[in-house]
N, C-alpha and C. Protein backbone atom coordinates (compact mmCIF):
# COMPACT_ATOMS: atom_id res chain seq x y z
N MET A 1 11.98 -25.93 4.19
CA MET A 1 12.05 -24.44 4.38
C MET A 1 10.46 -24.11 3.63
N GLY A 2 9.96 -22.99 4.37
CA GLY A 2 9.02 -22.09 4.08
C GLY A 2 9.00 -21.47 2.94
N ASN A 3 7.86 -20.75 2.61
CA ASN A 3 7.91 -19.40 1.47
C ASN A 3 8.46 -18.39 1.74
N LYS A 4 8.34 -17.80 2.99
CA LYS A 4 8.66 -16.56 3.44
C LYS A 4 10.19 -16.40 3.68
N LEU A 5 11.00 -15.42 3.11
CA LEU A 5 12.16 -14.87 3.23
C LEU A 5 12.28 -13.74 4.04
N PHE A 6 13.35 -13.51 4.59
CA PHE A 6 13.69 -12.45 5.33
C PHE A 6 15.09 -11.67 4.45
N VAL A 7 14.81 -10.63 4.07
CA VAL A 7 16.02 -9.68 3.42
C VAL A 7 16.43 -8.63 4.25
N GLY A 8 17.59 -8.72 4.41
CA GLY A 8 18.31 -7.82 5.57
C GLY A 8 19.47 -6.91 4.86
N ASN A 9 19.59 -5.85 5.35
CA ASN A 9 21.00 -4.92 4.93
C ASN A 9 20.54 -4.11 3.46
N LEU A 10 19.28 -3.84 3.34
CA LEU A 10 18.59 -3.06 2.44
C LEU A 10 19.03 -1.74 2.12
N SER A 11 18.99 -1.18 1.31
CA SER A 11 19.03 0.52 1.21
C SER A 11 17.72 1.05 1.63
N PHE A 12 17.77 2.20 2.31
CA PHE A 12 16.62 3.00 2.90
C PHE A 12 16.03 3.59 1.69
N ASN A 13 16.41 3.27 0.26
CA ASN A 13 15.55 3.89 -0.79
C ASN A 13 14.83 2.77 -1.34
N THR A 14 14.96 1.55 -1.21
CA THR A 14 14.49 0.42 -1.67
C THR A 14 12.91 0.37 -1.60
N THR A 15 11.84 0.23 -2.52
CA THR A 15 10.64 -0.11 -2.28
C THR A 15 10.39 -1.36 -2.53
N SER A 16 9.21 -1.78 -2.27
CA SER A 16 8.29 -2.99 -2.04
C SER A 16 8.45 -3.41 -3.83
N LEU A 17 8.13 -2.65 -4.42
CA LEU A 17 7.73 -2.99 -5.95
C LEU A 17 9.07 -3.45 -6.37
N GLU A 18 10.22 -2.55 -6.29
CA GLU A 18 11.54 -3.04 -6.75
C GLU A 18 12.24 -4.41 -5.99
N LEU A 19 11.79 -4.38 -4.90
CA LEU A 19 12.19 -5.61 -4.12
C LEU A 19 11.53 -7.06 -4.89
N LYS A 20 10.36 -6.76 -5.26
CA LYS A 20 9.39 -7.78 -5.96
C LYS A 20 9.93 -8.09 -7.20
N ASP A 21 10.17 -7.13 -7.92
CA ASP A 21 10.84 -7.27 -9.27
C ASP A 21 12.45 -7.88 -9.11
N PHE A 22 12.99 -7.57 -8.12
CA PHE A 22 14.36 -8.29 -8.00
C PHE A 22 14.14 -9.79 -7.83
N PHE A 23 13.25 -10.04 -6.75
CA PHE A 23 13.08 -11.53 -6.55
C PHE A 23 12.19 -12.19 -7.73
N SER A 24 11.51 -11.58 -8.59
CA SER A 24 11.09 -12.13 -9.65
C SER A 24 11.99 -12.87 -10.85
N GLN A 25 13.44 -12.39 -10.52
CA GLN A 25 14.28 -13.03 -11.72
C GLN A 25 14.72 -14.40 -11.29
N VAL A 26 14.17 -14.87 -10.02
CA VAL A 26 14.45 -16.06 -9.42
C VAL A 26 13.10 -17.10 -9.74
N GLY A 27 11.82 -16.67 -9.27
CA GLY A 27 10.87 -17.38 -9.53
C GLY A 27 9.79 -16.53 -9.29
N THR A 28 8.61 -17.22 -9.04
CA THR A 28 7.28 -16.30 -8.95
C THR A 28 7.29 -15.55 -7.28
N CYS A 29 7.36 -14.23 -7.40
CA CYS A 29 7.44 -13.68 -5.95
C CYS A 29 6.11 -13.12 -5.89
N GLU A 30 5.22 -13.63 -4.74
CA GLU A 30 4.01 -13.60 -4.51
C GLU A 30 3.79 -12.35 -3.79
N SER A 31 4.70 -11.76 -2.68
CA SER A 31 4.64 -10.54 -2.10
C SER A 31 5.94 -10.08 -1.70
N ALA A 32 6.09 -8.72 -1.47
CA ALA A 32 7.50 -8.25 -0.73
C ALA A 32 6.82 -6.97 -0.02
N SER A 33 7.29 -6.78 1.41
CA SER A 33 7.02 -5.68 1.93
C SER A 33 8.23 -5.22 2.65
N VAL A 34 8.69 -3.99 2.29
CA VAL A 34 9.66 -3.41 3.20
C VAL A 34 8.92 -2.88 4.45
N ILE A 35 9.76 -2.99 5.62
CA ILE A 35 9.49 -2.64 6.89
C ILE A 35 9.67 -1.36 6.99
N THR A 36 8.79 -0.50 7.67
CA THR A 36 8.93 0.77 7.66
C THR A 36 8.83 1.36 9.35
N ASP A 37 9.58 2.34 9.78
CA ASP A 37 9.41 2.85 11.16
C ASP A 37 8.10 3.34 11.09
N ARG A 38 7.44 3.09 12.40
CA ARG A 38 6.13 3.24 12.57
C ARG A 38 6.21 5.07 12.87
N ASN A 39 6.79 5.68 13.65
CA ASN A 39 6.93 7.23 13.74
C ASN A 39 7.21 7.92 12.30
N THR A 40 8.59 7.47 11.99
CA THR A 40 9.15 8.30 10.89
C THR A 40 8.39 7.89 9.53
N GLY A 41 8.11 6.66 9.22
CA GLY A 41 7.65 6.24 7.71
C GLY A 41 8.95 5.86 6.90
N ARG A 42 10.04 6.05 7.70
CA ARG A 42 11.36 5.56 6.84
C ARG A 42 11.58 4.16 6.84
N SER A 43 12.11 3.65 5.74
CA SER A 43 12.52 2.34 5.71
C SER A 43 13.44 1.79 6.85
N ARG A 44 13.31 0.70 7.60
CA ARG A 44 14.30 0.10 8.50
C ARG A 44 15.32 -0.78 7.95
N GLY A 45 15.50 -0.95 6.72
CA GLY A 45 16.48 -1.49 6.17
C GLY A 45 16.30 -3.13 5.87
N PHE A 46 15.22 -3.55 6.16
CA PHE A 46 14.60 -5.19 6.00
C PHE A 46 13.54 -5.23 5.63
N ALA A 47 13.35 -6.36 5.24
CA ALA A 47 12.07 -6.70 4.26
C ALA A 47 11.69 -8.33 4.48
N PHE A 48 10.27 -8.47 4.04
CA PHE A 48 10.02 -10.05 3.99
C PHE A 48 9.43 -10.00 2.49
N VAL A 49 9.97 -11.08 2.04
CA VAL A 49 9.37 -11.40 0.78
C VAL A 49 8.86 -13.04 0.61
N GLU A 50 7.80 -13.15 -0.11
CA GLU A 50 7.02 -14.69 0.02
C GLU A 50 7.21 -15.15 -1.30
N MET A 51 7.77 -16.40 -1.41
CA MET A 51 7.87 -16.99 -2.98
C MET A 51 6.66 -17.82 -2.90
N SER A 52 6.21 -18.18 -4.13
CA SER A 52 5.29 -19.33 -4.48
C SER A 52 5.46 -20.73 -4.04
N SER A 53 6.58 -21.16 -3.75
CA SER A 53 6.69 -22.52 -3.35
C SER A 53 8.12 -22.35 -2.51
N PRO A 54 8.46 -23.32 -1.75
CA PRO A 54 9.39 -23.64 -0.82
C PRO A 54 10.58 -24.00 -1.71
N ASP A 55 10.43 -24.49 -3.03
CA ASP A 55 11.95 -24.86 -3.76
C ASP A 55 12.34 -23.38 -4.37
N GLU A 56 11.32 -22.65 -4.81
CA GLU A 56 11.81 -21.29 -5.19
C GLU A 56 12.24 -20.30 -3.99
N ALA A 57 11.86 -20.51 -2.93
CA ALA A 57 12.49 -19.79 -1.59
C ALA A 57 13.79 -20.22 -1.53
N ALA A 58 14.26 -21.51 -1.58
CA ALA A 58 15.37 -22.02 -1.48
C ALA A 58 16.24 -21.53 -2.61
N GLN A 59 15.66 -21.59 -3.70
CA GLN A 59 16.57 -20.93 -4.88
C GLN A 59 16.91 -19.68 -4.72
N ALA A 60 15.99 -18.77 -4.22
CA ALA A 60 16.16 -17.50 -4.03
C ALA A 60 17.35 -17.07 -2.93
N VAL A 61 17.21 -18.04 -1.89
CA VAL A 61 18.37 -17.88 -0.99
C VAL A 61 19.88 -18.19 -1.56
N THR A 62 19.94 -19.21 -2.43
CA THR A 62 21.13 -19.38 -2.71
C THR A 62 21.59 -18.73 -3.87
N GLU A 63 20.53 -18.13 -4.57
CA GLU A 63 21.12 -17.32 -5.84
C GLU A 63 21.40 -15.90 -5.39
N LEU A 64 20.22 -15.18 -4.36
CA LEU A 64 20.38 -13.88 -4.07
C LEU A 64 20.97 -13.44 -2.95
N ASN A 65 21.30 -14.31 -2.08
CA ASN A 65 22.00 -13.95 -0.89
C ASN A 65 23.43 -13.53 -1.18
N GLY A 66 23.78 -12.50 -0.71
CA GLY A 66 24.96 -11.83 -1.10
C GLY A 66 25.28 -11.06 -2.32
N ARG A 67 24.05 -10.81 -3.10
CA ARG A 67 24.27 -10.09 -4.39
C ARG A 67 23.88 -8.80 -4.02
N GLU A 68 24.22 -7.76 -4.82
CA GLU A 68 24.27 -6.30 -4.73
C GLU A 68 22.88 -5.76 -5.22
N LEU A 69 22.06 -5.12 -4.30
CA LEU A 69 20.65 -4.50 -4.83
C LEU A 69 21.18 -3.12 -4.33
N GLN A 70 20.86 -2.05 -5.16
CA GLN A 70 21.28 -0.51 -5.12
C GLN A 70 22.24 0.11 -3.97
N GLY A 71 23.39 -0.70 -4.59
CA GLY A 71 24.36 -0.40 -3.84
C GLY A 71 24.89 -1.31 -2.48
N ARG A 72 24.14 -2.09 -2.10
CA ARG A 72 24.24 -2.63 -1.13
C ARG A 72 24.22 -4.13 -0.89
N THR A 73 24.93 -4.84 -0.48
CA THR A 73 24.96 -6.64 -0.57
C THR A 73 23.94 -6.57 0.49
N ILE A 74 22.88 -7.68 0.07
CA ILE A 74 21.69 -7.87 0.43
C ILE A 74 22.05 -9.28 1.19
N ASN A 75 21.26 -9.81 2.48
CA ASN A 75 21.36 -11.14 3.25
C ASN A 75 19.81 -11.69 2.97
N VAL A 76 19.98 -12.77 2.39
CA VAL A 76 18.57 -13.64 2.35
C VAL A 76 18.40 -14.56 3.12
N SER A 77 17.90 -14.97 3.97
CA SER A 77 17.43 -16.29 4.61
C SER A 77 16.15 -16.54 4.61
N GLU A 78 15.69 -17.55 5.43
CA GLU A 78 14.55 -18.00 5.68
C GLU A 78 13.88 -17.28 6.90
N ALA A 79 12.64 -16.55 6.71
CA ALA A 79 12.08 -16.09 7.84
C ALA A 79 11.96 -16.74 8.98
N ARG A 80 12.00 -16.56 10.12
CA ARG A 80 11.63 -17.33 11.30
C ARG A 80 10.53 -16.76 12.19
N GLU A 81 9.58 -17.56 12.81
CA GLU A 81 8.79 -17.08 13.52
C GLU A 81 9.07 -16.12 14.58
N ARG A 82 8.27 -15.16 14.76
CA ARG A 82 8.38 -14.09 16.04
C ARG A 82 8.41 -14.87 17.40
N ALA A 83 9.17 -14.48 18.40
CA ALA A 83 9.03 -15.32 19.52
C ALA A 83 8.00 -14.38 20.40
N PRO A 84 7.12 -15.18 21.16
CA PRO A 84 6.10 -14.27 21.71
C PRO A 84 6.55 -13.45 22.89
N ARG A 85 5.99 -12.28 23.24
CA ARG A 85 6.52 -11.29 23.90
C ARG A 85 5.87 -11.71 25.22
N SER A 86 6.54 -11.56 26.40
CA SER A 86 5.82 -11.36 27.69
C SER A 86 5.12 -10.04 28.16
N PRO A 87 4.03 -10.33 28.95
CA PRO A 87 3.57 -8.84 29.15
C PRO A 87 4.30 -8.25 30.08
N GLY A 88 4.92 -8.64 30.90
CA GLY A 88 5.61 -7.94 32.06
C GLY A 88 7.09 -7.26 31.56
N GLY A 89 7.29 -7.55 30.22
CA GLY A 89 8.71 -6.90 30.03
C GLY A 89 9.95 -7.62 30.07
N ASN A 90 11.20 -7.29 30.35
CA ASN A 90 12.21 -8.27 30.46
C ASN A 90 12.27 -8.89 31.98
N PHE A 91 11.73 -8.45 32.95
CA PHE A 91 12.09 -8.96 34.10
C PHE A 91 10.95 -9.96 34.55
N SER A 92 10.03 -10.25 33.92
CA SER A 92 8.48 -10.92 34.15
C SER A 92 8.88 -12.39 34.08
N SER A 93 8.08 -13.06 35.18
CA SER A 93 8.48 -14.44 35.32
C SER A 93 7.65 -15.18 33.97
N PRO A 94 7.90 -16.32 33.99
CA PRO A 94 7.46 -16.90 32.63
C PRO A 94 5.95 -16.95 32.71
N GLY A 95 5.09 -17.14 33.73
CA GLY A 95 3.86 -16.85 34.03
C GLY A 95 3.48 -15.67 33.51
N GLY A 96 4.09 -14.25 33.46
CA GLY A 96 3.73 -13.01 33.38
C GLY A 96 3.60 -12.24 34.78
N GLY A 97 3.17 -11.09 34.57
CA GLY A 97 3.16 -10.55 35.99
C GLY A 97 4.37 -10.13 36.63
N PHE A 98 4.29 -9.60 37.86
CA PHE A 98 5.60 -9.37 38.53
C PHE A 98 5.85 -10.38 39.59
N GLY A 99 6.91 -11.02 39.21
CA GLY A 99 7.32 -12.34 40.22
C GLY A 99 8.61 -12.03 40.62
N MET A 100 9.29 -13.18 41.32
CA MET A 100 10.54 -12.59 42.08
C MET A 100 11.60 -12.50 41.35
N SER A 101 11.56 -12.82 39.94
CA SER A 101 12.60 -12.90 39.14
C SER A 101 13.15 -11.38 38.96
N ALA A 102 12.66 -10.23 39.30
CA ALA A 102 13.06 -8.83 39.03
C ALA A 102 14.31 -8.73 40.17
N PRO A 103 15.27 -8.14 39.52
CA PRO A 103 16.36 -7.76 40.21
C PRO A 103 15.84 -6.74 41.53
N PRO A 104 16.67 -6.79 42.68
CA PRO A 104 16.35 -6.01 43.81
C PRO A 104 16.65 -4.67 43.41
N PHE A 105 15.50 -3.79 43.96
CA PHE A 105 16.18 -2.31 43.52
C PHE A 105 17.01 -1.73 44.18
N ARG A 106 17.10 -2.05 45.57
CA ARG A 106 18.33 -1.40 46.24
C ARG A 106 19.23 -2.71 46.87
N LYS A 107 20.53 -2.44 47.36
CA LYS A 107 21.47 -3.35 48.05
C LYS A 107 20.58 -3.82 49.27
N GLU A 108 21.09 -4.84 49.75
CA GLU A 108 20.72 -5.30 51.27
C GLU A 108 21.08 -4.35 52.06
N GLY A 109 20.26 -3.98 52.86
CA GLY A 109 20.77 -3.04 53.97
C GLY A 109 19.94 -1.69 53.99
N GLY A 110 19.59 -1.26 52.99
CA GLY A 110 18.88 -0.21 53.15
C GLY A 110 19.43 1.14 52.67
N SER A 111 18.90 2.45 52.94
CA SER A 111 19.64 3.36 52.62
C SER A 111 20.73 3.86 53.76
N ARG A 112 21.35 4.91 53.44
CA ARG A 112 22.51 5.31 54.20
C ARG A 112 21.91 5.80 55.56
N ARG A 113 20.91 6.66 55.42
CA ARG A 113 20.15 7.04 56.61
C ARG A 113 19.71 5.98 57.38
N GLY A 114 19.21 5.10 57.02
CA GLY A 114 18.78 3.76 57.81
C GLY A 114 20.06 3.27 58.55
N LEU A 115 21.11 3.31 57.67
CA LEU A 115 22.30 2.42 58.26
C LEU A 115 22.98 3.42 59.35
N ARG A 116 22.90 4.63 59.17
CA ARG A 116 23.52 5.71 60.56
C ARG A 116 22.40 5.15 61.69
N ALA A 117 21.06 5.29 61.32
CA ALA A 117 20.00 5.13 62.36
C ALA A 117 20.52 3.77 63.11
N LYS A 118 20.81 2.59 62.42
CA LYS A 118 21.14 1.39 63.15
C LYS A 118 22.08 1.43 63.96
N LYS A 119 23.49 2.22 63.21
CA LYS A 119 24.58 2.36 64.24
C LYS A 119 24.53 2.87 65.29
N ARG A 120 23.77 4.17 65.49
CA ARG A 120 23.44 5.02 66.43
C ARG A 120 22.58 4.25 67.60
N SER A 121 21.64 3.20 67.22
CA SER A 121 21.09 2.44 68.07
C SER A 121 21.68 1.58 68.92
N ILE A 122 22.59 0.91 68.18
CA ILE A 122 23.74 -0.11 68.72
C ILE A 122 24.57 0.51 69.57
N TYR A 123 25.14 1.58 69.56
CA TYR A 123 26.03 2.27 70.71
C TYR A 123 25.32 2.98 71.85
């Protein structure tokens, strides 16, 4: 287990300092940062806490997961590395860019006007 922990289901009023004090009950808390919304500056309800050793991080998970902080039952788990994002969004190919993995824009056969023209040309 690493030193970094994910803390979820936080109250929107919880500050980083309060969270650091809360985790200091278990061991040495190196840092605590509540994640805020970029546009509004309001808390997003989760945070990351870094403990001084992996043993203290494991102890924090076992002792603080499910405990109440400011009226909310918090979830504490080991933080996972963020998956790299592809530059093309959801439909990009593994190599990036605009590949053939994007869904077709229209159904096969084209527009209604085009289908009518095809029918007229057949008769």
